[in-house]
Amino acid sequence: AFRPRERIVAEEDYEDEPEVPDEVRPY
């Protein structure tokens, strides 16, 4: 249920995964 699913945002919107602080990474 919590396995990250396919991104809703299309891949062509950005090449790199959004950078988030480490404190937010678990979510």
mmCIF file of all heavy atoms, coordinates in Angstrom:
data_MODEL
# 
_entry.id   MODEL 
# 
loop_
_atom_site.group_PDB 
_atom_site.id 
_atom_site.type_symbol 
_atom_site.label_atom_id 
_atom_site.label_alt_id 
_atom_site.label_comp_id 
_atom_site.label_asym_id 
_atom_site.label_entity_id 
_atom_site.label_seq_id 
_atom_site.pdbx_PDB_ins_code 
_atom_site.Cartn_x 
_atom_site.Cartn_y 
_atom_site.Cartn_z 
_atom_site.occupancy 
_atom_site.B_iso_or_equiv 
_atom_site.pdbx_formal_charge 
_atom_site.auth_seq_id 
_atom_site.auth_comp_id 
_atom_site.auth_asym_id 
_atom_site.auth_atom_id 
_atom_site.pdbx_PDB_model_num 
ATOM 1   N N   . ALA A 1 1  ? 0.821  -1.214 0.000   1.00 0.00 ? 1  ALA A N   1 
ATOM 2   C CA  . ALA A 1 1  ? 0.000  0.000  0.000   1.00 0.00 ? 1  ALA A CA  1 
ATOM 3   C C   . ALA A 1 1  ? 0.849  1.256  0.000   1.00 0.00 ? 1  ALA A C   1 
ATOM 4   O O   . ALA A 1 1  ? 0.454  2.278  -0.583  1.00 0.00 ? 1  ALA A O   1 
ATOM 5   C CB  . ALA A 1 1  ? -0.930 -0.005 1.215   1.00 0.00 ? 1  ALA A CB  1 
ATOM 6   N N   . PHE A 1 2  ? 2.009  1.209  0.645   1.00 0.00 ? 2  PHE A N   1 
ATOM 7   C CA  . PHE A 1 2  ? 2.841  2.404  0.728   1.00 0.00 ? 2  PHE A CA  1 
ATOM 8   C C   . PHE A 1 2  ? 4.080  2.334  -0.151  1.00 0.00 ? 2  PHE A C   1 
ATOM 9   O O   . PHE A 1 2  ? 4.957  3.161  -0.028  1.00 0.00 ? 2  PHE A O   1 
ATOM 10  C CB  . PHE A 1 2  ? 3.246  2.670  2.189   1.00 0.00 ? 2  PHE A CB  1 
ATOM 11  C CG  . PHE A 1 2  ? 2.297  3.589  2.891   1.00 0.00 ? 2  PHE A CG  1 
ATOM 12  C CD1 . PHE A 1 2  ? 1.141  3.095  3.462   1.00 0.00 ? 2  PHE A CD1 1 
ATOM 13  C CD2 . PHE A 1 2  ? 2.535  4.952  2.947   1.00 0.00 ? 2  PHE A CD2 1 
ATOM 14  C CE1 . PHE A 1 2  ? 0.253  3.943  4.097   1.00 0.00 ? 2  PHE A CE1 1 
ATOM 15  C CE2 . PHE A 1 2  ? 1.658  5.801  3.572   1.00 0.00 ? 2  PHE A CE2 1 
ATOM 16  C CZ  . PHE A 1 2  ? 0.510  5.300  4.149   1.00 0.00 ? 2  PHE A CZ  1 
ATOM 17  N N   . ARG A 1 3  ? 4.085  1.338  -1.047  1.00 0.00 ? 3  ARG A N   1 
ATOM 18  C CA  . ARG A 1 3  ? 5.194  1.304  -1.986  1.00 0.00 ? 3  ARG A CA  1 
ATOM 19  C C   . ARG A 1 3  ? 5.038  2.475  -2.960  1.00 0.00 ? 3  ARG A C   1 
ATOM 20  O O   . ARG A 1 3  ? 3.959  2.652  -3.541  1.00 0.00 ? 3  ARG A O   1 
ATOM 21  C CB  . ARG A 1 3  ? 5.196  -0.029 -2.749  1.00 0.00 ? 3  ARG A CB  1 
ATOM 22  C CG  . ARG A 1 3  ? 6.543  -0.385 -3.355  1.00 0.00 ? 3  ARG A CG  1 
ATOM 23  C CD  . ARG A 1 3  ? 6.454  -1.741 -4.032  1.00 0.00 ? 3  ARG A CD  1 
ATOM 24  N NE  . ARG A 1 3  ? 5.960  -2.774 -3.142  1.00 0.00 ? 3  ARG A NE  1 
ATOM 25  C CZ  . ARG A 1 3  ? 6.710  -3.424 -2.257  1.00 0.00 ? 3  ARG A CZ  1 
ATOM 26  N NH1 . ARG A 1 3  ? 7.982  -3.115 -2.132  1.00 0.00 ? 3  ARG A NH1 1 
ATOM 27  N NH2 . ARG A 1 3  ? 6.193  -4.352 -1.489  1.00 0.00 ? 3  ARG A NH2 1 
ATOM 28  N N   . PRO A 1 4  ? 6.078  3.308  -3.089  1.00 0.00 ? 4  PRO A N   1 
ATOM 29  C CA  . PRO A 1 4  ? 5.905  4.480  -3.968  1.00 0.00 ? 4  PRO A CA  1 
ATOM 30  C C   . PRO A 1 4  ? 5.403  4.058  -5.347  1.00 0.00 ? 4  PRO A C   1 
ATOM 31  O O   . PRO A 1 4  ? 6.009  3.225  -6.008  1.00 0.00 ? 4  PRO A O   1 
ATOM 32  C CB  . PRO A 1 4  ? 7.318  5.070  -4.062  1.00 0.00 ? 4  PRO A CB  1 
ATOM 33  C CG  . PRO A 1 4  ? 7.983  4.623  -2.798  1.00 0.00 ? 4  PRO A CG  1 
ATOM 34  C CD  . PRO A 1 4  ? 7.409  3.259  -2.490  1.00 0.00 ? 4  PRO A CD  1 
ATOM 35  N N   . ARG A 1 5  ? 4.271  4.609  -5.759  1.00 0.00 ? 5  ARG A N   1 
ATOM 36  C CA  . ARG A 1 5  ? 3.702  4.253  -7.043  1.00 0.00 ? 5  ARG A CA  1 
ATOM 37  C C   . ARG A 1 5  ? 4.244  5.186  -8.129  1.00 0.00 ? 5  ARG A C   1 
ATOM 38  O O   . ARG A 1 5  ? 5.054  6.064  -7.855  1.00 0.00 ? 5  ARG A O   1 
ATOM 39  C CB  . ARG A 1 5  ? 2.177  4.338  -6.984  1.00 0.00 ? 5  ARG A CB  1 
ATOM 40  C CG  . ARG A 1 5  ? 1.636  5.750  -6.882  1.00 0.00 ? 5  ARG A CG  1 
ATOM 41  C CD  . ARG A 1 5  ? 0.142  5.728  -6.673  1.00 0.00 ? 5  ARG A CD  1 
ATOM 42  N NE  . ARG A 1 5  ? -0.425 7.046  -6.906  1.00 0.00 ? 5  ARG A NE  1 
ATOM 43  C CZ  . ARG A 1 5  ? -1.698 7.337  -6.699  1.00 0.00 ? 5  ARG A CZ  1 
ATOM 44  N NH1 . ARG A 1 5  ? -2.492 6.416  -6.241  1.00 0.00 ? 5  ARG A NH1 1 
ATOM 45  N NH2 . ARG A 1 5  ? -2.161 8.549  -6.945  1.00 0.00 ? 5  ARG A NH2 1 
ATOM 46  N N   . GLU A 1 6  ? 3.783  4.951  -9.330  1.00 0.00 ? 6  GLU A N   1 
ATOM 47  C CA  . GLU A 1 6  ? 4.267  5.782  -10.439 1.00 0.00 ? 6  GLU A CA  1 
ATOM 48  C C   . GLU A 1 6  ? 3.948  7.242  -10.172 1.00 0.00 ? 6  GLU A C   1 
ATOM 49  O O   . GLU A 1 6  ? 2.907  7.569  -9.610  1.00 0.00 ? 6  GLU A O   1 
ATOM 50  C CB  . GLU A 1 6  ? 3.585  5.364  -11.748 1.00 0.00 ? 6  GLU A CB  1 
ATOM 51  C CG  . GLU A 1 6  ? 4.060  4.052  -12.286 1.00 0.00 ? 6  GLU A CG  1 
ATOM 52  C CD  . GLU A 1 6  ? 3.425  3.760  -13.646 1.00 0.00 ? 6  GLU A CD  1 
ATOM 53  O OE1 . GLU A 1 6  ? 2.630  4.589  -14.114 1.00 0.00 ? 6  GLU A OE1 1 
ATOM 54  O OE2 . GLU A 1 6  ? 3.742  2.720  -14.198 1.00 0.00 ? 6  GLU A OE2 1 
ATOM 55  N N   . ARG A 1 7  ? 4.865  8.106  -10.546 1.00 0.00 ? 7  ARG A N   1 
ATOM 56  C CA  . ARG A 1 7  ? 4.630  9.529  -10.356 1.00 0.00 ? 7  ARG A CA  1 
ATOM 57  C C   . ARG A 1 7  ? 3.394  9.968  -11.121 1.00 0.00 ? 7  ARG A C   1 
ATOM 58  O O   . ARG A 1 7  ? 3.134  9.533  -12.241 1.00 0.00 ? 7  ARG A O   1 
ATOM 59  C CB  . ARG A 1 7  ? 5.815  10.347 -10.861 1.00 0.00 ? 7  ARG A CB  1 
ATOM 60  C CG  . ARG A 1 7  ? 7.054  10.180 -10.030 1.00 0.00 ? 7  ARG A CG  1 
ATOM 61  C CD  . ARG A 1 7  ? 8.143  11.030 -10.641 1.00 0.00 ? 7  ARG A CD  1 
ATOM 62  N NE  . ARG A 1 7  ? 9.402  10.839 -9.960  1.00 0.00 ? 7  ARG A NE  1 
ATOM 63  C CZ  . ARG A 1 7  ? 10.551 11.265 -10.431 1.00 0.00 ? 7  ARG A CZ  1 
ATOM 64  N NH1 . ARG A 1 7  ? 10.584 11.905 -11.573 1.00 0.00 ? 7  ARG A NH1 1 
ATOM 65  N NH2 . ARG A 1 7  ? 11.665 11.071 -9.758  1.00 0.00 ? 7  ARG A NH2 1 
ATOM 66  N N   . ILE A 1 8  ? 2.642  10.835 -10.494 1.00 0.00 ? 8  ILE A N   1 
ATOM 67  C CA  . ILE A 1 8  ? 1.486  11.403 -11.174 1.00 0.00 ? 8  ILE A CA  1 
ATOM 68  C C   . ILE A 1 8  ? 1.957  12.458 -12.173 1.00 0.00 ? 8  ILE A C   1 
ATOM 69  O O   . ILE A 1 8  ? 1.387  12.628 -13.247 1.00 0.00 ? 8  ILE A O   1 
ATOM 70  C CB  . ILE A 1 8  ? 0.511  11.999 -10.149 1.00 0.00 ? 8  ILE A CB  1 
ATOM 71  C CG1 . ILE A 1 8  ? 0.033  10.887 -9.213  1.00 0.00 ? 8  ILE A CG1 1 
ATOM 72  C CG2 . ILE A 1 8  ? -0.671 12.668 -10.813 1.00 0.00 ? 8  ILE A CG2 1 
ATOM 73  C CD1 . ILE A 1 8  ? -0.836 11.361 -8.080  1.00 0.00 ? 8  ILE A CD1 1 
ATOM 74  N N   . VAL A 1 9  ? 3.013  13.170 -11.815 1.00 0.00 ? 9  VAL A N   1 
ATOM 75  C CA  . VAL A 1 9  ? 3.574  14.167 -12.727 1.00 0.00 ? 9  VAL A CA  1 
ATOM 76  C C   . VAL A 1 9  ? 4.360  13.452 -13.822 1.00 0.00 ? 9  VAL A C   1 
ATOM 77  O O   . VAL A 1 9  ? 5.158  12.571 -13.544 1.00 0.00 ? 9  VAL A O   1 
ATOM 78  C CB  . VAL A 1 9  ? 4.502  15.135 -11.971 1.00 0.00 ? 9  VAL A CB  1 
ATOM 79  C CG1 . VAL A 1 9  ? 5.065  16.189 -12.917 1.00 0.00 ? 9  VAL A CG1 1 
ATOM 80  C CG2 . VAL A 1 9  ? 3.743  15.791 -10.834 1.00 0.00 ? 9  VAL A CG2 1 
ATOM 81  N N   . ALA A 1 10 ? 4.145  13.809 -15.078 1.00 0.00 ? 10 ALA A N   1 
ATOM 82  C CA  . ALA A 1 10 ? 4.815  13.149 -16.200 1.00 0.00 ? 10 ALA A CA  1 
ATOM 83  C C   . ALA A 1 10 ? 6.316  13.348 -16.104 1.00 0.00 ? 10 ALA A C   1 
ATOM 84  O O   . ALA A 1 10 ? 6.800  14.374 -15.648 1.00 0.00 ? 10 ALA A O   1 
ATOM 85  C CB  . ALA A 1 10 ? 4.287  13.715 -17.524 1.00 0.00 ? 10 ALA A CB  1 
ATOM 86  N N   . GLU A 1 11 ? 7.053  12.362 -16.597 1.00 0.00 ? 11 GLU A N   1 
ATOM 87  C CA  . GLU A 1 11 ? 8.512  12.402 -16.517 1.00 0.00 ? 11 GLU A CA  1 
ATOM 88  C C   . GLU A 1 11 ? 9.091  13.610 -17.252 1.00 0.00 ? 11 GLU A C   1 
ATOM 89  O O   . GLU A 1 11 ? 10.108 14.142 -16.851 1.00 0.00 ? 11 GLU A O   1 
ATOM 90  C CB  . GLU A 1 11 ? 9.085  11.110 -17.107 1.00 0.00 ? 11 GLU A CB  1 
ATOM 91  C CG  . GLU A 1 11 ? 8.944  9.888  -16.211 1.00 0.00 ? 11 GLU A CG  1 
ATOM 92  C CD  . GLU A 1 11 ? 9.820  9.996  -14.973 1.00 0.00 ? 11 GLU A CD  1 
ATOM 93  O OE1 . GLU A 1 11 ? 10.861 10.663 -15.035 1.00 0.00 ? 11 GLU A OE1 1 
ATOM 94  O OE2 . GLU A 1 11 ? 9.449  9.415  -13.950 1.00 0.00 ? 11 GLU A OE2 1 
ATOM 95  N N   . GLU A 1 12 ? 8.419  14.032 -18.313 1.00 0.00 ? 12 GLU A N   1 
ATOM 96  C CA  . GLU A 1 12 ? 8.993  15.146 -19.051 1.00 0.00 ? 12 GLU A CA  1 
ATOM 97  C C   . GLU A 1 12 ? 8.887  16.476 -18.325 1.00 0.00 ? 12 GLU A C   1 
ATOM 98  O O   . GLU A 1 12 ? 9.488  17.472 -18.726 1.00 0.00 ? 12 GLU A O   1 
ATOM 99  C CB  . GLU A 1 12 ? 8.337  15.282 -20.426 1.00 0.00 ? 12 GLU A CB  1 
ATOM 100 C CG  . GLU A 1 12 ? 6.838  15.533 -20.385 1.00 0.00 ? 12 GLU A CG  1 
ATOM 101 C CD  . GLU A 1 12 ? 6.043  14.240 -20.487 1.00 0.00 ? 12 GLU A CD  1 
ATOM 102 O OE1 . GLU A 1 12 ? 6.616  13.181 -20.123 1.00 0.00 ? 12 GLU A OE1 1 
ATOM 103 O OE2 . GLU A 1 12 ? 4.883  14.288 -20.940 1.00 0.00 ? 12 GLU A OE2 1 
ATOM 104 N N   . ASP A 1 13 ? 8.142  16.529 -17.213 1.00 0.00 ? 13 ASP A N   1 
ATOM 105 C CA  . ASP A 1 13 ? 8.038  17.777 -16.471 1.00 0.00 ? 13 ASP A CA  1 
ATOM 106 C C   . ASP A 1 13 ? 9.373  18.148 -15.827 1.00 0.00 ? 13 ASP A C   1 
ATOM 107 O O   . ASP A 1 13 ? 9.683  19.312 -15.650 1.00 0.00 ? 13 ASP A O   1 
ATOM 108 C CB  . ASP A 1 13 ? 6.961  17.693 -15.404 1.00 0.00 ? 13 ASP A CB  1 
ATOM 109 C CG  . ASP A 1 13 ? 5.562  17.861 -15.987 1.00 0.00 ? 13 ASP A CG  1 
ATOM 110 O OD1 . ASP A 1 13 ? 5.444  18.284 -17.147 1.00 0.00 ? 13 ASP A OD1 1 
ATOM 111 O OD2 . ASP A 1 13 ? 4.614  17.547 -15.276 1.00 0.00 ? 13 ASP A OD2 1 
ATOM 112 N N   . TYR A 1 14 ? 10.150 17.148 -15.443 1.00 0.00 ? 14 TYR A N   1 
ATOM 113 C CA  . TYR A 1 14 ? 11.476 17.418 -14.907 1.00 0.00 ? 14 TYR A CA  1 
ATOM 114 C C   . TYR A 1 14 ? 12.274 16.128 -14.970 1.00 0.00 ? 14 TYR A C   1 
ATOM 115 O O   . TYR A 1 14 ? 11.738 15.029 -14.847 1.00 0.00 ? 14 TYR A O   1 
ATOM 116 C CB  . TYR A 1 14 ? 11.417 17.940 -13.470 1.00 0.00 ? 14 TYR A CB  1 
ATOM 117 C CG  . TYR A 1 14 ? 10.460 17.215 -12.564 1.00 0.00 ? 14 TYR A CG  1 
ATOM 118 C CD1 . TYR A 1 14 ? 10.800 15.986 -11.996 1.00 0.00 ? 14 TYR A CD1 1 
ATOM 119 C CD2 . TYR A 1 14 ? 9.212  17.758 -12.274 1.00 0.00 ? 14 TYR A CD2 1 
ATOM 120 C CE1 . TYR A 1 14 ? 9.911  15.325 -11.176 1.00 0.00 ? 14 TYR A CE1 1 
ATOM 121 C CE2 . TYR A 1 14 ? 8.328  17.090 -11.441 1.00 0.00 ? 14 TYR A CE2 1 
ATOM 122 C CZ  . TYR A 1 14 ? 8.675  15.880 -10.903 1.00 0.00 ? 14 TYR A CZ  1 
ATOM 123 O OH  . TYR A 1 14 ? 7.786  15.212 -10.081 1.00 0.00 ? 14 TYR A OH  1 
ATOM 124 N N   . GLU A 1 15 ? 13.565 16.256 -15.168 1.00 0.00 ? 15 GLU A N   1 
ATOM 125 C CA  . GLU A 1 15 ? 14.424 15.085 -15.301 1.00 0.00 ? 15 GLU A CA  1 
ATOM 126 C C   . GLU A 1 15 ? 14.827 14.534 -13.946 1.00 0.00 ? 15 GLU A C   1 
ATOM 127 O O   . GLU A 1 15 ? 14.979 13.331 -13.776 1.00 0.00 ? 15 GLU A O   1 
ATOM 128 C CB  . GLU A 1 15 ? 15.675 15.454 -16.108 1.00 0.00 ? 15 GLU A CB  1 
ATOM 129 C CG  . GLU A 1 15 ? 15.373 15.859 -17.555 1.00 0.00 ? 15 GLU A CG  1 
ATOM 130 C CD  . GLU A 1 15 ? 16.623 16.306 -18.275 1.00 0.00 ? 15 GLU A CD  1 
ATOM 131 O OE1 . GLU A 1 15 ? 17.703 16.263 -17.649 1.00 0.00 ? 15 GLU A OE1 1 
ATOM 132 O OE2 . GLU A 1 15 ? 16.524 16.702 -19.458 1.00 0.00 ? 15 GLU A OE2 1 
ATOM 133 N N   . ASP A 1 16 ? 15.027 15.415 -12.961 1.00 0.00 ? 16 ASP A N   1 
ATOM 134 C CA  . ASP A 1 16 ? 15.506 14.995 -11.659 1.00 0.00 ? 16 ASP A CA  1 
ATOM 135 C C   . ASP A 1 16 ? 14.360 14.925 -10.664 1.00 0.00 ? 16 ASP A C   1 
ATOM 136 O O   . ASP A 1 16 ? 13.409 15.687 -10.731 1.00 0.00 ? 16 ASP A O   1 
ATOM 137 C CB  . ASP A 1 16 ? 16.564 15.972 -11.136 1.00 0.00 ? 16 ASP A CB  1 
ATOM 138 C CG  . ASP A 1 16 ? 17.770 16.050 -12.053 1.00 0.00 ? 16 ASP A CG  1 
ATOM 139 O OD1 . ASP A 1 16 ? 18.137 14.996 -12.597 1.00 0.00 ? 16 ASP A OD1 1 
ATOM 140 O OD2 . ASP A 1 16 ? 18.318 17.153 -12.227 1.00 0.00 ? 16 ASP A OD2 1 
ATOM 141 N N   . GLU A 1 17 ? 14.485 13.987 -9.743  1.00 0.00 ? 17 GLU A N   1 
ATOM 142 C CA  . GLU A 1 17 ? 13.506 13.885 -8.666  1.00 0.00 ? 17 GLU A CA  1 
ATOM 143 C C   . GLU A 1 17 ? 13.579 15.131 -7.793  1.00 0.00 ? 17 GLU A C   1 
ATOM 144 O O   . GLU A 1 17 ? 14.659 15.639 -7.504  1.00 0.00 ? 17 GLU A O   1 
ATOM 145 C CB  . GLU A 1 17 ? 13.821 12.653 -7.819  1.00 0.00 ? 17 GLU A CB  1 
ATOM 146 C CG  . GLU A 1 17 ? 12.819 12.386 -6.731  1.00 0.00 ? 17 GLU A CG  1 
ATOM 147 C CD  . GLU A 1 17 ? 13.170 11.113 -5.972  1.00 0.00 ? 17 GLU A CD  1 
ATOM 148 O OE1 . GLU A 1 17 ? 12.770 10.032 -6.409  1.00 0.00 ? 17 GLU A OE1 1 
ATOM 149 O OE2 . GLU A 1 17 ? 13.885 11.220 -4.960  1.00 0.00 ? 17 GLU A OE2 1 
ATOM 150 N N   . PRO A 1 18 ? 12.439 15.685 -7.374  1.00 0.00 ? 18 PRO A N   1 
ATOM 151 C CA  . PRO A 1 18 ? 12.484 16.883 -6.529  1.00 0.00 ? 18 PRO A CA  1 
ATOM 152 C C   . PRO A 1 18 ? 13.342 16.667 -5.288  1.00 0.00 ? 18 PRO A C   1 
ATOM 153 O O   . PRO A 1 18 ? 13.278 15.621 -4.643  1.00 0.00 ? 18 PRO A O   1 
ATOM 154 C CB  . PRO A 1 18 ? 11.012 17.089 -6.146  1.00 0.00 ? 18 PRO A CB  1 
ATOM 155 C CG  . PRO A 1 18 ? 10.250 16.455 -7.263  1.00 0.00 ? 18 PRO A CG  1 
ATOM 156 C CD  . PRO A 1 18 ? 11.075 15.270 -7.688  1.00 0.00 ? 18 PRO A CD  1 
ATOM 157 N N   . GLU A 1 19 ? 14.155 17.648 -4.976  1.00 0.00 ? 19 GLU A N   1 
ATOM 158 C CA  . GLU A 1 19 ? 15.000 17.590 -3.793  1.00 0.00 ? 19 GLU A CA  1 
ATOM 159 C C   . GLU A 1 19 ? 14.184 18.002 -2.571  1.00 0.00 ? 19 GLU A C   1 
ATOM 160 O O   . GLU A 1 19 ? 13.496 19.023 -2.592  1.00 0.00 ? 19 GLU A O   1 
ATOM 161 C CB  . GLU A 1 19 ? 16.199 18.530 -3.955  1.00 0.00 ? 19 GLU A CB  1 
ATOM 162 C CG  . GLU A 1 19 ? 17.110 18.171 -5.121  1.00 0.00 ? 19 GLU A CG  1 
ATOM 163 C CD  . GLU A 1 19 ? 18.000 16.979 -4.822  1.00 0.00 ? 19 GLU A CD  1 
ATOM 164 O OE1 . GLU A 1 19 ? 17.921 16.459 -3.696  1.00 0.00 ? 19 GLU A OE1 1 
ATOM 165 O OE2 . GLU A 1 19 ? 18.766 16.569 -5.703  1.00 0.00 ? 19 GLU A OE2 1 
ATOM 166 N N   . VAL A 1 20 ? 14.234 17.206 -1.529  1.00 0.00 ? 20 VAL A N   1 
ATOM 167 C CA  . VAL A 1 20 ? 13.540 17.535 -0.292  1.00 0.00 ? 20 VAL A CA  1 
ATOM 168 C C   . VAL A 1 20 ? 14.508 17.343 0.869   1.00 0.00 ? 20 VAL A C   1 
ATOM 169 O O   . VAL A 1 20 ? 15.467 16.574 0.783   1.00 0.00 ? 20 VAL A O   1 
ATOM 170 C CB  . VAL A 1 20 ? 12.287 16.653 -0.080  1.00 0.00 ? 20 VAL A CB  1 
ATOM 171 C CG1 . VAL A 1 20 ? 11.293 16.856 -1.208  1.00 0.00 ? 20 VAL A CG1 1 
ATOM 172 C CG2 . VAL A 1 20 ? 12.656 15.185 0.052   1.00 0.00 ? 20 VAL A CG2 1 
ATOM 173 N N   . PRO A 1 21 ? 14.306 18.041 1.984   1.00 0.00 ? 21 PRO A N   1 
ATOM 174 C CA  . PRO A 1 21 ? 15.180 17.851 3.144   1.00 0.00 ? 21 PRO A CA  1 
ATOM 175 C C   . PRO A 1 21 ? 15.135 16.406 3.631   1.00 0.00 ? 21 PRO A C   1 
ATOM 176 O O   . PRO A 1 21 ? 14.136 15.698 3.465   1.00 0.00 ? 21 PRO A O   1 
ATOM 177 C CB  . PRO A 1 21 ? 14.578 18.806 4.195   1.00 0.00 ? 21 PRO A CB  1 
ATOM 178 C CG  . PRO A 1 21 ? 13.778 19.797 3.412   1.00 0.00 ? 21 PRO A CG  1 
ATOM 179 C CD  . PRO A 1 21 ? 13.270 19.064 2.217   1.00 0.00 ? 21 PRO A CD  1 
ATOM 180 N N   . ASP A 1 22 ? 16.216 15.964 4.247   1.00 0.00 ? 22 ASP A N   1 
ATOM 181 C CA  . ASP A 1 22 ? 16.275 14.603 4.763   1.00 0.00 ? 22 ASP A CA  1 
ATOM 182 C C   . ASP A 1 22 ? 15.165 14.323 5.766   1.00 0.00 ? 22 ASP A C   1 
ATOM 183 O O   . ASP A 1 22 ? 14.683 13.199 5.868   1.00 0.00 ? 22 ASP A O   1 
ATOM 184 C CB  . ASP A 1 22 ? 17.637 14.349 5.419   1.00 0.00 ? 22 ASP A CB  1 
ATOM 185 C CG  . ASP A 1 22 ? 18.738 14.199 4.382   1.00 0.00 ? 22 ASP A CG  1 
ATOM 186 O OD1 . ASP A 1 22 ? 18.417 14.033 3.192   1.00 0.00 ? 22 ASP A OD1 1 
ATOM 187 O OD2 . ASP A 1 22 ? 19.925 14.259 4.767   1.00 0.00 ? 22 ASP A OD2 1 
ATOM 188 N N   . GLU A 1 23 ? 14.769 15.346 6.520   1.00 0.00 ? 23 GLU A N   1 
ATOM 189 C CA  . GLU A 1 23 ? 13.710 15.152 7.514   1.00 0.00 ? 23 GLU A CA  1 
ATOM 190 C C   . GLU A 1 23 ? 12.378 14.792 6.865   1.00 0.00 ? 23 GLU A C   1 
ATOM 191 O O   . GLU A 1 23 ? 11.525 14.152 7.487   1.00 0.00 ? 23 GLU A O   1 
ATOM 192 C CB  . GLU A 1 23 ? 13.543 16.428 8.352   1.00 0.00 ? 23 GLU A CB  1 
ATOM 193 C CG  . GLU A 1 23 ? 14.678 16.709 9.306   1.00 0.00 ? 23 GLU A CG  1 
ATOM 194 C CD  . GLU A 1 23 ? 15.874 17.367 8.644   1.00 0.00 ? 23 GLU A CD  1 
ATOM 195 O OE1 . GLU A 1 23 ? 15.863 17.574 7.405   1.00 0.00 ? 23 GLU A OE1 1 
ATOM 196 O OE2 . GLU A 1 23 ? 16.840 17.695 9.358   1.00 0.00 ? 23 GLU A OE2 1 
ATOM 197 N N   . VAL A 1 24 ? 12.202 15.185 5.613   1.00 0.00 ? 24 VAL A N   1 
ATOM 198 C CA  . VAL A 1 24 ? 10.954 14.931 4.899   1.00 0.00 ? 24 VAL A CA  1 
ATOM 199 C C   . VAL A 1 24 ? 11.048 13.678 4.038   1.00 0.00 ? 24 VAL A C   1 
ATOM 200 O O   . VAL A 1 24 ? 10.039 13.105 3.636   1.00 0.00 ? 24 VAL A O   1 
ATOM 201 C CB  . VAL A 1 24 ? 10.593 16.162 4.039   1.00 0.00 ? 24 VAL A CB  1 
ATOM 202 C CG1 . VAL A 1 24 ? 9.364  15.921 3.171   1.00 0.00 ? 24 VAL A CG1 1 
ATOM 203 C CG2 . VAL A 1 24 ? 10.372 17.378 4.939   1.00 0.00 ? 24 VAL A CG2 1 
ATOM 204 N N   . ARG A 1 25 ? 12.262 13.211 3.775   1.00 0.00 ? 25 ARG A N   1 
ATOM 205 C CA  . ARG A 1 25 ? 12.472 12.080 2.879   1.00 0.00 ? 25 ARG A CA  1 
ATOM 206 C C   . ARG A 1 25 ? 11.652 10.833 3.246   1.00 0.00 ? 25 ARG A C   1 
ATOM 207 O O   . ARG A 1 25 ? 11.121 10.159 2.352   1.00 0.00 ? 25 ARG A O   1 
ATOM 208 C CB  . ARG A 1 25 ? 13.969 11.757 2.839   1.00 0.00 ? 25 ARG A CB  1 
ATOM 209 C CG  . ARG A 1 25 ? 14.369 10.575 1.977   1.00 0.00 ? 25 ARG A CG  1 
ATOM 210 C CD  . ARG A 1 25 ? 13.999 10.711 0.533   1.00 0.00 ? 25 ARG A CD  1 
ATOM 211 N NE  . ARG A 1 25 ? 14.459 11.952 -0.090  1.00 0.00 ? 25 ARG A NE  1 
ATOM 212 C CZ  . ARG A 1 25 ? 14.251 12.241 -1.352  1.00 0.00 ? 25 ARG A CZ  1 
ATOM 213 N NH1 . ARG A 1 25 ? 13.603 11.401 -2.126  1.00 0.00 ? 25 ARG A NH1 1 
ATOM 214 N NH2 . ARG A 1 25 ? 14.681 13.385 -1.858  1.00 0.00 ? 25 ARG A NH2 1 
ATOM 215 N N   . PRO A 1 26 ? 11.484 10.464 4.535   1.00 0.00 ? 26 PRO A N   1 
ATOM 216 C CA  . PRO A 1 26 ? 10.691 9.261  4.840   1.00 0.00 ? 26 PRO A CA  1 
ATOM 217 C C   . PRO A 1 26 ? 9.247  9.337  4.358   1.00 0.00 ? 26 PRO A C   1 
ATOM 218 O O   . PRO A 1 26 ? 8.582  8.294  4.260   1.00 0.00 ? 26 PRO A O   1 
ATOM 219 C CB  . PRO A 1 26 ? 10.751 9.185  6.374   1.00 0.00 ? 26 PRO A CB  1 
ATOM 220 C CG  . PRO A 1 26 ? 12.012 9.879  6.742   1.00 0.00 ? 26 PRO A CG  1 
ATOM 221 C CD  . PRO A 1 26 ? 12.121 11.004 5.756   1.00 0.00 ? 26 PRO A CD  1 
ATOM 222 N N   . TYR A 1 27 ? 8.751  10.534 4.051   1.00 0.00 ? 27 TYR A N   1 
ATOM 223 C CA  . TYR A 1 27 ? 7.349  10.692 3.671   1.00 0.00 ? 27 TYR A CA  1 
ATOM 224 C C   . TYR A 1 27 ? 7.189  10.943 2.179   1.00 0.00 ? 27 TYR A C   1 
ATOM 225 O O   . TYR A 1 27 ? 6.081  11.194 1.707   1.00 0.00 ? 27 TYR A O   1 
ATOM 226 C CB  . TYR A 1 27 ? 6.734  11.859 4.466   1.00 0.00 ? 27 TYR A CB  1 
ATOM 227 C CG  . TYR A 1 27 ? 7.119  11.820 5.922   1.00 0.00 ? 27 TYR A CG  1 
ATOM 228 C CD1 . TYR A 1 27 ? 8.066  12.705 6.442   1.00 0.00 ? 27 TYR A CD1 1 
ATOM 229 C CD2 . TYR A 1 27 ? 6.595  10.864 6.785   1.00 0.00 ? 27 TYR A CD2 1 
ATOM 230 C CE1 . TYR A 1 27 ? 8.455  12.655 7.768   1.00 0.00 ? 27 TYR A CE1 1 
ATOM 231 C CE2 . TYR A 1 27 ? 6.976  10.802 8.109   1.00 0.00 ? 27 TYR A CE2 1 
ATOM 232 C CZ  . TYR A 1 27 ? 7.918  11.695 8.598   1.00 0.00 ? 27 TYR A CZ  1 
ATOM 233 O OH  . TYR A 1 27 ? 8.304  11.635 9.911   1.00 0.00 ? 27 TYR A OH  1 
# 
